[in-house]
Amino acid sequence: MSKPDFLNEFIKQCSQNKPEFEGERFIGWEQIIFTLIGFGLKAMVPELKEWIKLGAAAIALKRQELKEKLVKYAKEKELDFPTAELAAEEVAKNINADNITELIDSLENSVS
């Protein structure tokens, strides 16, 4: 799969569990997911590379840390916070030992 295709599929996968929003203003679930992956995760590529060395068990443990960093990124970029927090959780839980190498490669070679 080409790098843009992989990233598009990863974004779609993370966007599938769209929460219900009641009366909240937000920029859009898919746009927040895209921003967290395309810009937030891209900034964390050096750290993600270290995860590969740690193995699958460590990746599972690092998900909470990744979620917290994406939430911090969302706050800094003034994204709709309640939505961004849920989106960060979705992105973090979709990273695993099977896709992290391709995700890193795709992020490094993508144009944002």
Protein backbone atom coordinates (compact mmCIF):
# COMPACT_ATOMS: atom_id res chain seq x y z
CA MET A 1 0.00 0.00 0.00
CA SER A 2 1.39 3.43 -0.85
CA LYS A 3 2.17 5.85 1.95
CA PRO A 4 -0.72 8.26 1.28
CA ASP A 5 -3.10 5.29 0.99
CA PHE A 6 -1.91 3.87 4.30
CA LEU A 7 -2.37 7.20 6.06
CA ASN A 8 -5.81 7.68 4.52
CA GLU A 9 -6.84 4.18 5.64
CA PHE A 10 -5.45 4.78 9.14
CA ILE A 11 -7.37 8.07 9.37
CA LYS A 12 -10.55 6.29 8.20
CA GLN A 13 -10.00 3.53 10.74
CA CYS A 14 -9.57 6.04 13.56
CA SER A 15 -12.61 8.04 12.38
CA GLN A 16 -15.02 5.09 12.41
CA ASN A 17 -15.97 5.32 16.09
CA LYS A 18 -17.40 8.81 15.86
CA PRO A 19 -19.05 9.72 19.18
CA GLU A 20 -22.47 11.31 19.39
CA PHE A 21 -22.34 15.06 19.94
CA GLU A 22 -25.22 16.87 21.58
CA GLY A 23 -25.35 20.59 21.05
CA GLU A 24 -21.59 20.94 20.90
CA ARG A 25 -19.74 23.07 18.42
CA PHE A 26 -16.78 21.35 16.86
CA ILE A 27 -14.67 21.55 13.70
CA GLY A 28 -15.46 18.00 12.70
CA TRP A 29 -14.45 14.59 13.91
CA GLU A 30 -12.56 13.64 10.75
CA GLN A 31 -10.68 16.94 10.67
CA ILE A 32 -9.55 16.53 14.28
CA ILE A 33 -8.42 12.95 13.61
CA PHE A 34 -6.54 14.16 10.51
CA THR A 35 -4.87 16.98 12.46
CA LEU A 36 -3.81 14.72 15.33
CA ILE A 37 -2.36 12.14 12.94
CA GLY A 38 -0.97 14.37 10.20
CA PHE A 39 0.58 16.96 12.48
CA GLY A 40 0.52 15.65 16.07
CA LEU A 41 1.83 12.14 15.37
CA LYS A 42 4.18 13.40 12.70
CA ALA A 43 5.89 15.55 15.33
CA MET A 44 6.28 12.44 17.52
CA VAL A 45 7.93 10.20 14.90
CA PRO A 46 11.31 10.07 16.70
CA GLU A 47 9.57 8.88 19.86
CA LEU A 48 7.45 6.35 17.93
CA LYS A 49 10.62 4.90 16.41
CA GLU A 50 11.80 4.10 19.92
CA TRP A 51 8.59 2.18 20.53
CA ILE A 52 9.48 -0.31 17.80
CA LYS A 53 12.54 -1.31 19.76
CA LEU A 54 10.41 -1.93 22.86
CA GLY A 55 8.01 -4.44 21.31
CA ALA A 56 4.27 -5.04 21.37
CA ALA A 57 3.82 -5.05 25.16
CA ALA A 58 5.49 -1.69 25.54
CA ILE A 59 3.44 -0.21 22.71
CA ALA A 60 0.28 -1.10 24.60
CA LEU A 61 1.66 0.61 27.71
CA LYS A 62 2.74 3.71 25.77
CA ARG A 63 -0.74 4.34 24.36
CA GLN A 64 -1.85 6.33 27.41
CA GLU A 65 1.25 8.49 27.18
CA LEU A 66 0.61 9.05 23.47
CA LYS A 67 -3.01 10.00 24.16
CA GLU A 68 -1.87 12.57 26.74
CA LYS A 69 0.63 14.08 24.27
CA LEU A 70 -2.03 14.30 21.55
CA VAL A 71 -4.43 15.97 24.00
CA LYS A 72 -1.69 18.47 24.87
CA TYR A 73 -1.11 19.09 21.16
CA ALA A 74 -4.85 19.64 20.67
CA LYS A 75 -4.92 22.19 23.50
CA GLU A 76 -1.94 24.04 22.05
CA LYS A 77 -3.62 24.17 18.63
CA GLU A 78 -6.94 25.19 20.22
CA LEU A 79 -8.87 22.29 18.74
CA ASP A 80 -12.32 21.62 20.18
CA PHE A 81 -11.18 20.03 23.41
CA PRO A 82 -13.85 17.45 24.31
CA THR A 83 -13.84 16.16 20.75
CA ALA A 84 -10.05 16.24 20.48
CA GLU A 85 -9.69 14.25 23.69
CA LEU A 86 -11.95 11.50 22.30
CA ALA A 87 -10.11 11.64 18.97
CA ALA A 88 -6.73 11.32 20.69
CA GLU A 89 -7.97 8.19 22.44
CA GLU A 90 -9.12 6.71 19.11
CA VAL A 91 -5.79 7.45 17.44
CA ALA A 92 -3.79 5.98 20.33
CA LYS A 93 -5.81 2.78 20.51
CA ASN A 94 -5.41 2.18 16.76
CA ILE A 95 -1.60 2.13 16.91
CA ASN A 96 -0.23 -1.36 17.38
CA ALA A 97 2.83 -3.50 16.72
CA ASP A 98 1.41 -4.55 13.34
CA ASN A 99 1.02 -1.04 11.92
CA ILE A 100 3.50 1.19 13.75
CA THR A 101 6.38 0.67 11.31
CA GLU A 102 4.27 1.50 8.27
CA LEU A 103 2.65 4.41 10.13
CA ILE A 104 6.05 5.91 10.95
CA ASP A 105 7.26 5.43 7.39
CA SER A 106 4.10 7.02 6.01
CA LEU A 107 4.31 9.98 8.40
CA GLU A 108 7.95 10.59 7.57
CA ASN A 109 7.27 10.59 3.86
CA SER A 110 3.95 12.44 3.82
CA VAL A 111 3.48 16.03 2.84
CA SER A 112 1.42 17.91 5.44
